[in-house]
């Protein structure tokens, strides 16, 4: 696997080694030993999640706080998304900054999202199936979130104004400064 650092410490693009021929392709999407050796991070994933969304959908920005914080390894099974990670780790040199990476079924890239970071994505293709592993169980009482349209963050989600599809819950999320100010 090839590991590519993003602008946020510990947030990593993971490119698997793909074996393709006339039959199709094969790749190992995760190997704990290889991941640990390549990144120096030993993560025990305990929960897998999958979502299906249509073009223009923006999900995020979400995280879990405190002891329920989650690291994630995310990828796209079909379609294409713009995956966004915002550093919300107190004391981090990149606190309040974000990294955006295009993930698709074609490029087979994955993104490792460290604990303490907010996460979201927008769907750039007609539809997308999104899959991710978490190193901690979901706990509703620990949910936190920040508005995808926070002007201070200034994230370009790649979706034209007026074509965004956002849940009522995500429409109500506060600004980054209100949560982490």
N, C-alpha and C. Protein backbone atom coordinates (compact mmCIF):
# COMPACT_ATOMS: atom_id res chain seq x y z
N UNK A 1 0.84 -1.19 0.00
CA UNK A 1 0.00 0.00 0.00
C UNK A 1 0.88 1.24 0.00
N UNK A 2 0.34 2.27 -0.58
CA UNK A 2 1.04 3.56 -0.65
C UNK A 2 0.32 4.52 0.30
N UNK A 3 1.06 5.16 1.19
CA UNK A 3 0.50 6.11 2.16
C UNK A 3 0.91 7.52 1.75
N UNK A 4 -0.09 8.41 1.62
CA UNK A 4 0.16 9.80 1.22
C UNK A 4 -0.36 10.71 2.33
N UNK A 5 0.51 11.47 2.98
CA UNK A 5 0.04 12.39 4.02
C UNK A 5 -0.81 13.52 3.41
N UNK A 6 -1.79 13.99 4.17
CA UNK A 6 -2.54 15.18 3.80
C UNK A 6 -1.95 16.36 4.57
N UNK A 7 -2.57 17.50 4.48
CA UNK A 7 -2.10 18.67 5.21
C UNK A 7 -2.39 18.57 6.71
N UNK A 8 -3.19 17.59 7.15
CA UNK A 8 -3.52 17.41 8.56
C UNK A 8 -2.74 16.23 9.12
N UNK A 9 -2.05 16.44 10.21
CA UNK A 9 -1.25 15.38 10.83
C UNK A 9 -2.10 14.15 11.12
N UNK A 10 -1.65 12.99 10.68
CA UNK A 10 -2.33 11.74 10.94
C UNK A 10 -3.48 11.42 10.01
N UNK A 11 -3.88 12.37 9.19
CA UNK A 11 -4.93 12.15 8.19
C UNK A 11 -4.23 11.70 6.91
N UNK A 12 -4.49 10.47 6.49
CA UNK A 12 -3.68 9.85 5.45
C UNK A 12 -4.51 9.28 4.31
N UNK A 13 -4.05 9.48 3.08
CA UNK A 13 -4.62 8.80 1.93
C UNK A 13 -3.94 7.45 1.83
N UNK A 14 -4.75 6.41 1.68
CA UNK A 14 -4.23 5.04 1.57
C UNK A 14 -4.57 4.52 0.18
N UNK A 15 -3.53 4.23 -0.59
CA UNK A 15 -3.72 3.67 -1.93
C UNK A 15 -3.35 2.19 -1.89
N UNK A 16 -4.32 1.32 -2.14
CA UNK A 16 -4.01 -0.11 -2.13
C UNK A 16 -3.26 -0.52 -3.40
N UNK A 17 -2.61 -1.64 -3.31
CA UNK A 17 -1.96 -2.21 -4.48
C UNK A 17 -3.03 -3.04 -5.20
N UNK A 18 -3.36 -2.64 -6.42
CA UNK A 18 -4.43 -3.27 -7.19
C UNK A 18 -3.83 -4.21 -8.23
N UNK A 19 -4.35 -5.43 -8.28
CA UNK A 19 -3.94 -6.42 -9.27
C UNK A 19 -5.08 -6.57 -10.27
N UNK A 20 -4.84 -6.11 -11.51
CA UNK A 20 -5.88 -6.13 -12.52
C UNK A 20 -5.44 -6.96 -13.72
N UNK A 21 -6.40 -7.64 -14.34
CA UNK A 21 -6.17 -8.35 -15.59
C UNK A 21 -7.49 -8.42 -16.34
N UNK A 22 -7.56 -9.28 -17.35
CA UNK A 22 -8.75 -9.34 -18.19
C UNK A 22 -10.00 -9.80 -17.42
N UNK A 23 -9.83 -10.43 -16.28
CA UNK A 23 -10.97 -10.88 -15.47
C UNK A 23 -11.57 -9.76 -14.63
N UNK A 24 -10.77 -8.75 -14.31
CA UNK A 24 -11.20 -7.68 -13.42
C UNK A 24 -10.04 -7.27 -12.53
N UNK A 25 -10.28 -7.14 -11.24
CA UNK A 25 -9.21 -6.72 -10.33
C UNK A 25 -9.39 -7.37 -8.97
N UNK A 26 -8.32 -7.30 -8.17
CA UNK A 26 -8.32 -7.73 -6.78
C UNK A 26 -7.43 -6.77 -6.01
N UNK A 27 -7.83 -6.41 -4.79
CA UNK A 27 -6.94 -5.70 -3.89
C UNK A 27 -7.34 -5.98 -2.46
N UNK A 28 -6.36 -5.89 -1.59
CA UNK A 28 -6.59 -6.03 -0.15
C UNK A 28 -6.96 -4.65 0.36
N UNK A 29 -8.20 -4.48 0.82
CA UNK A 29 -8.64 -3.15 1.25
C UNK A 29 -8.13 -2.78 2.63
N UNK A 30 -7.84 -3.76 3.47
CA UNK A 30 -7.26 -3.45 4.78
C UNK A 30 -6.51 -4.66 5.31
N UNK A 31 -5.34 -4.40 5.87
CA UNK A 31 -4.52 -5.40 6.55
C UNK A 31 -3.92 -4.67 7.75
N UNK A 32 -4.31 -5.07 8.95
CA UNK A 32 -3.90 -4.35 10.16
C UNK A 32 -2.38 -4.29 10.31
N UNK A 33 -1.70 -5.39 10.03
CA UNK A 33 -0.24 -5.41 10.17
C UNK A 33 0.42 -4.47 9.17
N UNK A 34 0.00 -4.54 7.92
CA UNK A 34 0.59 -3.68 6.89
C UNK A 34 0.27 -2.20 7.16
N UNK A 35 -0.96 -1.91 7.60
CA UNK A 35 -1.34 -0.54 7.92
C UNK A 35 -0.49 -0.01 9.06
N UNK A 36 -0.34 -0.79 10.10
CA UNK A 36 0.48 -0.38 11.25
C UNK A 36 1.92 -0.15 10.87
N UNK A 37 2.48 -1.03 10.05
CA UNK A 37 3.87 -0.88 9.62
C UNK A 37 4.04 0.36 8.75
N UNK A 38 3.08 0.62 7.87
CA UNK A 38 3.19 1.76 6.95
C UNK A 38 2.93 3.10 7.62
N UNK A 39 2.09 3.12 8.66
CA UNK A 39 1.68 4.39 9.25
C UNK A 39 2.18 4.60 10.68
N UNK A 40 2.59 3.53 11.33
CA UNK A 40 2.95 3.63 12.74
C UNK A 40 1.74 3.71 13.65
N UNK A 41 0.55 3.54 13.08
CA UNK A 41 -0.69 3.59 13.86
C UNK A 41 -1.32 2.21 13.90
N UNK A 42 -1.59 1.75 15.10
CA UNK A 42 -2.22 0.44 15.27
C UNK A 42 -3.66 0.67 15.71
N UNK A 43 -4.57 0.38 14.81
CA UNK A 43 -5.98 0.68 15.01
C UNK A 43 -6.76 -0.62 14.99
N UNK A 44 -7.64 -0.79 15.97
CA UNK A 44 -8.52 -1.96 16.02
C UNK A 44 -9.93 -1.49 15.64
N UNK A 45 -10.33 -1.77 14.42
CA UNK A 45 -11.67 -1.38 13.97
C UNK A 45 -12.72 -2.32 14.54
N UNK A 46 -13.84 -1.75 14.99
CA UNK A 46 -14.88 -2.54 15.66
C UNK A 46 -16.26 -2.41 15.00
N UNK A 47 -16.40 -1.50 14.04
CA UNK A 47 -17.71 -1.28 13.43
C UNK A 47 -17.53 -0.86 11.99
N UNK A 48 -18.33 -1.44 11.08
CA UNK A 48 -18.36 -1.04 9.68
C UNK A 48 -19.70 -0.37 9.39
N UNK A 49 -19.67 0.70 8.59
CA UNK A 49 -20.88 1.42 8.20
C UNK A 49 -20.90 1.63 6.70
N UNK A 50 -22.09 1.71 6.13
CA UNK A 50 -22.24 1.95 4.70
C UNK A 50 -23.41 2.90 4.48
N UNK A 51 -23.25 3.81 3.52
CA UNK A 51 -24.36 4.68 3.15
C UNK A 51 -24.45 4.75 1.64
N UNK A 52 -25.65 5.01 1.15
CA UNK A 52 -25.90 5.22 -0.27
C UNK A 52 -26.53 6.59 -0.40
N UNK A 53 -26.04 7.39 -1.35
CA UNK A 53 -26.54 8.76 -1.52
C UNK A 53 -26.58 9.12 -2.99
N UNK A 54 -27.38 10.14 -3.30
CA UNK A 54 -27.47 10.62 -4.68
C UNK A 54 -26.68 11.91 -4.86
N UNK A 55 -26.53 12.32 -6.11
CA UNK A 55 -25.75 13.52 -6.43
C UNK A 55 -26.20 14.71 -5.59
N UNK A 56 -25.23 15.47 -5.14
CA UNK A 56 -25.49 16.70 -4.40
C UNK A 56 -25.62 16.52 -2.91
N UNK A 57 -25.71 15.27 -2.46
CA UNK A 57 -25.83 15.02 -1.03
C UNK A 57 -24.54 15.44 -0.33
N UNK A 58 -24.71 16.17 0.77
CA UNK A 58 -23.60 16.52 1.65
C UNK A 58 -23.94 15.95 3.02
N UNK A 59 -23.05 15.10 3.52
CA UNK A 59 -23.21 14.52 4.85
C UNK A 59 -22.07 15.05 5.71
N UNK A 60 -22.42 15.68 6.81
CA UNK A 60 -21.37 16.19 7.69
C UNK A 60 -21.60 17.64 8.05
N UNK A 61 -20.74 18.10 8.84
CA UNK A 61 -19.50 17.55 9.37
C UNK A 61 -19.78 16.93 10.73
N UNK A 62 -19.37 15.67 10.93
CA UNK A 62 -19.72 14.93 12.13
C UNK A 62 -18.49 14.38 12.84
N UNK A 63 -18.65 14.13 14.13
CA UNK A 63 -17.64 13.44 14.94
C UNK A 63 -18.34 12.96 16.20
N UNK A 64 -17.61 12.24 17.01
CA UNK A 64 -18.05 11.86 18.34
C UNK A 64 -17.02 12.40 19.32
N UNK A 65 -17.50 12.88 20.44
CA UNK A 65 -16.64 13.56 21.41
C UNK A 65 -16.17 12.62 22.51
N UNK A 66 -15.11 13.06 23.19
CA UNK A 66 -14.63 12.39 24.39
C UNK A 66 -14.21 10.95 24.18
N UNK A 67 -14.59 10.10 25.13
CA UNK A 67 -14.21 8.69 25.08
C UNK A 67 -14.84 7.96 23.91
N UNK A 68 -15.85 8.54 23.29
CA UNK A 68 -16.53 7.91 22.14
C UNK A 68 -15.91 8.33 20.81
N UNK A 69 -14.86 9.14 20.83
CA UNK A 69 -14.22 9.59 19.58
C UNK A 69 -13.87 8.38 18.71
N UNK A 70 -13.93 8.59 17.41
CA UNK A 70 -13.67 7.52 16.46
C UNK A 70 -12.61 7.91 15.45
N UNK A 71 -11.72 6.98 15.16
CA UNK A 71 -10.89 7.06 13.96
C UNK A 71 -11.66 6.27 12.90
N UNK A 72 -11.51 6.68 11.63
CA UNK A 72 -12.25 6.03 10.55
C UNK A 72 -11.32 5.76 9.38
N UNK A 73 -11.61 4.69 8.67
CA UNK A 73 -10.98 4.42 7.39
C UNK A 73 -12.13 4.37 6.39
N UNK A 74 -12.16 5.34 5.48
CA UNK A 74 -13.32 5.52 4.59
C UNK A 74 -12.94 5.23 3.14
N UNK A 75 -13.93 4.74 2.37
CA UNK A 75 -13.73 4.50 0.95
C UNK A 75 -15.06 4.49 0.22
N UNK A 76 -14.99 4.54 -1.09
CA UNK A 76 -16.17 4.56 -1.94
C UNK A 76 -16.24 3.25 -2.72
N UNK A 77 -17.38 2.58 -2.63
CA UNK A 77 -17.57 1.31 -3.33
C UNK A 77 -18.12 1.53 -4.74
N UNK A 78 -18.94 2.57 -4.91
CA UNK A 78 -19.42 2.95 -6.25
C UNK A 78 -19.61 4.45 -6.27
N UNK A 79 -19.29 5.06 -7.42
CA UNK A 79 -19.44 6.50 -7.55
C UNK A 79 -18.21 7.27 -7.15
N UNK A 80 -18.43 8.56 -6.82
CA UNK A 80 -17.32 9.47 -6.51
C UNK A 80 -17.79 10.48 -5.48
N UNK A 81 -16.93 10.77 -4.48
CA UNK A 81 -17.23 11.77 -3.45
C UNK A 81 -16.03 12.68 -3.24
N UNK A 82 -16.31 13.84 -2.68
CA UNK A 82 -15.27 14.69 -2.13
C UNK A 82 -15.33 14.48 -0.63
N UNK A 83 -14.29 13.89 -0.07
CA UNK A 83 -14.24 13.58 1.35
C UNK A 83 -13.51 14.71 2.06
N UNK A 84 -14.07 15.18 3.17
CA UNK A 84 -13.54 16.34 3.87
C UNK A 84 -13.31 16.00 5.34
N UNK A 85 -12.13 16.37 5.83
CA UNK A 85 -11.77 16.19 7.23
C UNK A 85 -11.36 17.54 7.79
N UNK A 86 -11.93 17.91 8.94
CA UNK A 86 -11.60 19.16 9.62
C UNK A 86 -10.92 18.81 10.94
N UNK A 87 -9.76 19.40 11.17
CA UNK A 87 -9.01 19.16 12.40
C UNK A 87 -9.67 19.91 13.55
N UNK A 88 -10.20 19.16 14.51
CA UNK A 88 -10.83 19.75 15.70
C UNK A 88 -10.09 19.33 16.96
N UNK A 89 -8.82 18.95 16.80
CA UNK A 89 -8.00 18.50 17.93
C UNK A 89 -7.36 19.70 18.61
N UNK A 90 -7.72 19.93 19.85
CA UNK A 90 -7.16 21.04 20.62
C UNK A 90 -5.64 20.91 20.66
N UNK A 91 -4.96 22.01 20.40
CA UNK A 91 -3.50 22.02 20.43
C UNK A 91 -2.84 21.59 19.14
N UNK A 92 -3.61 21.14 18.18
CA UNK A 92 -3.04 20.72 16.89
C UNK A 92 -2.58 21.95 16.10
N UNK A 93 -1.47 21.81 15.39
CA UNK A 93 -0.95 22.91 14.57
C UNK A 93 -1.90 23.26 13.43
N UNK A 94 -2.79 22.32 13.06
CA UNK A 94 -3.71 22.58 11.95
C UNK A 94 -5.17 22.66 12.44
N UNK A 95 -5.35 22.97 13.73
CA UNK A 95 -6.69 23.12 14.30
C UNK A 95 -7.52 24.09 13.46
N UNK A 96 -8.72 23.68 13.10
CA UNK A 96 -9.62 24.53 12.32
C UNK A 96 -9.37 24.52 10.83
N UNK A 97 -8.39 23.76 10.38
CA UNK A 97 -8.12 23.64 8.94
C UNK A 97 -8.72 22.34 8.42
N UNK A 98 -8.86 22.26 7.09
CA UNK A 98 -9.43 21.04 6.52
C UNK A 98 -8.59 20.51 5.38
N UNK A 99 -8.80 19.23 5.11
CA UNK A 99 -8.22 18.56 3.95
C UNK A 99 -9.38 17.95 3.18
N UNK A 100 -9.31 18.01 1.85
CA UNK A 100 -10.34 17.44 0.99
C UNK A 100 -9.67 16.52 -0.02
N UNK A 101 -10.23 15.32 -0.18
CA UNK A 101 -9.66 14.31 -1.06
C UNK A 101 -10.78 13.67 -1.87
N UNK A 102 -10.59 13.55 -3.17
CA UNK A 102 -11.57 12.84 -4.00
C UNK A 102 -11.36 11.35 -3.86
N UNK A 103 -12.42 10.66 -3.46
CA UNK A 103 -12.41 9.21 -3.35
C UNK A 103 -13.42 8.67 -4.35
N UNK A 104 -13.06 7.60 -5.03
CA UNK A 104 -13.99 7.02 -6.00
C UNK A 104 -13.79 5.52 -6.12
N UNK A 105 -14.77 4.87 -6.71
CA UNK A 105 -14.63 3.44 -7.00
C UNK A 105 -13.49 3.24 -7.99
N UNK A 106 -13.28 4.20 -8.87
CA UNK A 106 -12.21 4.08 -9.88
C UNK A 106 -10.82 4.21 -9.27
N UNK A 107 -10.61 5.23 -8.42
CA UNK A 107 -9.24 5.42 -7.89
C UNK A 107 -8.95 4.53 -6.67
N UNK A 108 -9.98 3.94 -6.08
CA UNK A 108 -9.85 2.99 -4.97
C UNK A 108 -9.08 3.54 -3.76
N UNK A 109 -8.93 4.85 -3.72
CA UNK A 109 -8.26 5.47 -2.58
C UNK A 109 -9.13 5.37 -1.34
N UNK A 110 -8.47 5.33 -0.19
CA UNK A 110 -9.14 5.37 1.10
C UNK A 110 -8.55 6.55 1.87
N UNK A 111 -9.27 6.98 2.89
CA UNK A 111 -8.77 8.07 3.72
C UNK A 111 -8.87 7.65 5.18
N UNK A 112 -7.76 7.78 5.89
CA UNK A 112 -7.75 7.52 7.33
C UNK A 112 -8.02 8.83 8.04
N UNK A 113 -9.09 8.87 8.82
CA UNK A 113 -9.51 10.05 9.57
C UNK A 113 -9.17 9.82 11.04
N UNK A 114 -8.24 10.58 11.60
CA UNK A 114 -7.87 10.34 13.01
C UNK A 114 -8.94 10.80 13.99
N UNK A 115 -8.89 10.23 15.18
CA UNK A 115 -9.79 10.67 16.25
C UNK A 115 -9.61 12.17 16.47
N UNK A 116 -10.71 12.84 16.81
CA UNK A 116 -10.66 14.27 17.10
C UNK A 116 -10.89 15.14 15.88
N UNK A 117 -11.15 14.52 14.74
CA UNK A 117 -11.41 15.28 13.51
C UNK A 117 -12.87 15.12 13.11
N UNK A 118 -13.41 16.19 12.55
CA UNK A 118 -14.75 16.16 11.96
C UNK A 118 -14.65 15.56 10.57
N UNK A 119 -15.72 14.91 10.14
CA UNK A 119 -15.70 14.25 8.84
C UNK A 119 -17.01 14.48 8.10
N UNK A 120 -16.90 14.61 6.78
CA UNK A 120 -18.07 14.72 5.93
C UNK A 120 -17.69 14.44 4.49
N UNK A 121 -18.71 14.34 3.63
CA UNK A 121 -18.44 14.15 2.21
C UNK A 121 -19.60 14.66 1.38
N UNK A 122 -19.30 14.98 0.13
CA UNK A 122 -20.32 15.36 -0.85
C UNK A 122 -20.26 14.37 -2.00
N UNK A 123 -21.42 14.08 -2.57
CA UNK A 123 -21.51 13.11 -3.66
C UNK A 123 -21.41 13.85 -4.99
N UNK A 124 -20.37 13.52 -5.76
CA UNK A 124 -20.09 14.19 -7.03
C UNK A 124 -20.60 13.41 -8.23
N UNK A 125 -20.95 12.16 -8.05
CA UNK A 125 -21.46 11.31 -9.13
C UNK A 125 -22.98 11.19 -9.00
N UNK A 126 -23.61 10.52 -9.96
CA UNK A 126 -25.07 10.36 -9.91
C UNK A 126 -25.52 9.74 -8.58
N UNK A 127 -24.80 8.70 -8.15
CA UNK A 127 -25.01 8.08 -6.84
C UNK A 127 -23.65 7.64 -6.31
N UNK A 128 -23.60 7.33 -5.03
CA UNK A 128 -22.36 6.82 -4.44
C UNK A 128 -22.70 5.92 -3.25
N UNK A 129 -21.94 4.85 -3.15
CA UNK A 129 -22.01 3.97 -1.99
C UNK A 129 -20.71 4.18 -1.22
N UNK A 130 -20.86 4.59 0.03
CA UNK A 130 -19.74 5.00 0.88
C UNK A 130 -19.62 3.99 2.01
N UNK A 131 -18.40 3.56 2.31
CA UNK A 131 -18.15 2.53 3.31
C UNK A 131 -17.06 3.01 4.25
N UNK A 132 -17.23 2.75 5.56
CA UNK A 132 -16.15 3.11 6.47
C UNK A 132 -16.10 2.23 7.69
N UNK A 133 -14.87 2.07 8.18
CA UNK A 133 -14.57 1.32 9.38
C UNK A 133 -14.35 2.33 10.51
N UNK A 134 -14.80 1.98 11.73
CA UNK A 134 -14.60 2.83 12.90
C UNK A 134 -13.88 2.05 13.99
N UNK A 135 -13.06 2.74 14.75
CA UNK A 135 -12.34 2.07 15.83
C UNK A 135 -13.04 2.20 17.18
N UNK A 136 -14.24 2.73 17.19
CA UNK A 136 -15.03 2.86 18.41
C UNK A 136 -16.49 2.76 18.01
N UNK A 137 -17.32 2.26 18.90
CA UNK A 137 -18.73 2.11 18.60
C UNK A 137 -19.44 3.47 18.59
N UNK A 138 -20.46 3.56 17.74
CA UNK A 138 -21.29 4.76 17.69
C UNK A 138 -22.03 4.94 19.01
N UNK A 139 -22.03 6.18 19.49
CA UNK A 139 -22.74 6.52 20.72
C UNK A 139 -23.50 7.82 20.48
N UNK A 140 -24.80 7.72 20.35
CA UNK A 140 -25.63 8.88 20.00
C UNK A 140 -25.40 10.08 20.93
N UNK A 141 -25.24 9.84 22.21
CA UNK A 141 -25.09 10.95 23.18
C UNK A 141 -23.77 11.70 23.00
N UNK A 142 -22.83 11.12 22.24
CA UNK A 142 -21.53 11.76 22.04
C UNK A 142 -21.43 12.49 20.70
N UNK A 143 -22.51 12.51 19.92
CA UNK A 143 -22.50 13.16 18.61
C UNK A 143 -22.18 14.65 18.73
N UNK A 144 -21.30 15.13 17.87
CA UNK A 144 -21.09 16.56 17.70
C UNK A 144 -21.04 16.84 16.20
N UNK A 145 -21.26 18.08 15.84
CA UNK A 145 -21.23 18.42 14.44
C UNK A 145 -21.05 19.90 14.22
N UNK A 146 -20.63 20.22 13.01
CA UNK A 146 -20.39 21.59 12.59
C UNK A 146 -21.03 21.77 11.21
N UNK A 147 -21.53 22.94 10.95
CA UNK A 147 -22.20 23.25 9.69
C UNK A 147 -21.27 23.07 8.49
N UNK A 148 -21.77 22.39 7.48
CA UNK A 148 -21.02 22.21 6.24
C UNK A 148 -20.80 23.54 5.52
N UNK A 149 -21.64 24.52 5.82
CA UNK A 149 -21.54 25.82 5.14
C UNK A 149 -20.90 26.90 6.01
N UNK A 150 -20.15 26.48 7.02
CA UNK A 150 -19.44 27.41 7.90
C UNK A 150 -18.54 28.31 7.06
N UNK A 151 -18.76 29.61 7.11
CA UNK A 151 -18.01 30.56 6.28
C UNK A 151 -16.54 30.64 6.69
N UNK A 152 -16.25 30.47 7.98
CA UNK A 152 -14.86 30.52 8.42
C UNK A 152 -14.05 29.33 7.89
N UNK A 153 -14.69 28.17 7.80
CA UNK A 153 -14.00 27.01 7.24
C UNK A 153 -13.85 27.16 5.73
N UNK A 154 -14.86 27.71 5.07
CA UNK A 154 -14.78 27.99 3.63
C UNK A 154 -14.60 26.77 2.75
N UNK A 155 -15.27 25.68 3.06
CA UNK A 155 -15.12 24.44 2.29
C UNK A 155 -15.90 24.54 0.99
N UNK A 156 -15.22 24.25 -0.12
CA UNK A 156 -15.88 24.12 -1.42
C UNK A 156 -16.22 22.64 -1.60
N UNK A 157 -17.49 22.30 -1.48
CA UNK A 157 -17.94 20.92 -1.54
C UNK A 157 -18.08 20.40 -2.97
N UNK A 158 -17.87 21.27 -3.96
CA UNK A 158 -17.97 20.83 -5.35
C UNK A 158 -19.39 20.66 -5.85
N UNK A 159 -20.35 21.19 -5.11
CA UNK A 159 -21.77 21.10 -5.49
C UNK A 159 -22.28 22.52 -5.72
N UNK A 160 -22.85 22.81 -6.90
CA UNK A 160 -23.35 24.16 -7.18
C UNK A 160 -24.42 24.59 -6.16
N UNK A 161 -24.39 25.87 -5.83
CA UNK A 161 -25.36 26.44 -4.90
C UNK A 161 -26.78 26.11 -5.35
N UNK A 162 -27.58 25.65 -4.42
CA UNK A 162 -28.96 25.30 -4.73
C UNK A 162 -29.15 23.84 -5.11
N UNK A 163 -28.07 23.12 -5.35
CA UNK A 163 -28.17 21.69 -5.69
C UNK A 163 -27.77 20.79 -4.53
N UNK A 164 -27.48 21.38 -3.37
CA UNK A 164 -27.09 20.60 -2.20
C UNK A 164 -28.31 19.84 -1.66
N UNK A 165 -28.09 18.61 -1.24
CA UNK A 165 -29.11 17.80 -0.57
C UNK A 165 -28.56 17.51 0.82
N UNK A 166 -29.19 18.14 1.82
CA UNK A 166 -28.65 18.09 3.19
C UNK A 166 -29.80 17.78 4.15
N UNK A 167 -29.54 16.90 5.11
CA UNK A 167 -30.57 16.55 6.08
C UNK A 167 -30.96 17.77 6.92
N UNK A 168 -32.17 17.72 7.46
CA UNK A 168 -32.61 18.79 8.36
C UNK A 168 -31.65 18.91 9.54
N UNK A 169 -31.23 17.78 10.06
CA UNK A 169 -30.31 17.76 11.20
C UNK A 169 -29.01 18.50 10.86
N UNK A 170 -28.43 18.20 9.69
CA UNK A 170 -27.18 18.85 9.29
C UNK A 170 -27.38 20.33 8.95
N UNK A 171 -28.56 20.70 8.51
CA UNK A 171 -28.85 22.12 8.24
C UNK A 171 -28.81 22.95 9.52
N UNK A 172 -29.06 22.32 10.66
CA UNK A 172 -29.13 23.02 11.94
C UNK A 172 -27.82 23.06 12.72
N UNK A 173 -26.76 22.44 12.19
CA UNK A 173 -25.51 22.37 12.94
C UNK A 173 -24.89 23.77 13.11
N UNK A 174 -24.22 24.02 14.22
CA UNK A 174 -23.62 25.32 14.50
C UNK A 174 -22.28 25.52 13.76
N UNK A 175 -21.78 26.72 13.83
CA UNK A 175 -20.48 27.05 13.26
C UNK A 175 -19.36 26.41 14.09
N UNK A 176 -18.22 26.22 13.46
CA UNK A 176 -17.04 25.62 14.12
C UNK A 176 -16.71 26.41 15.40
N UNK A 177 -16.70 27.73 15.30
CA UNK A 177 -16.32 28.57 16.45
C UNK A 177 -17.30 28.43 17.61
N UNK A 178 -18.56 28.09 17.34
CA UNK A 178 -19.53 27.89 18.41
C UNK A 178 -19.28 26.58 19.16
N UNK A 179 -18.71 25.61 18.49
CA UNK A 179 -18.48 24.30 19.11
C UNK A 179 -17.07 24.24 19.71
N UNK A 180 -16.09 24.81 18.98
CA UNK A 180 -14.70 24.66 19.38
C UNK A 180 -14.02 26.00 19.70
N UNK A 181 -14.80 27.09 19.73
CA UNK A 181 -14.27 28.42 19.95
C UNK A 181 -13.65 28.60 21.26
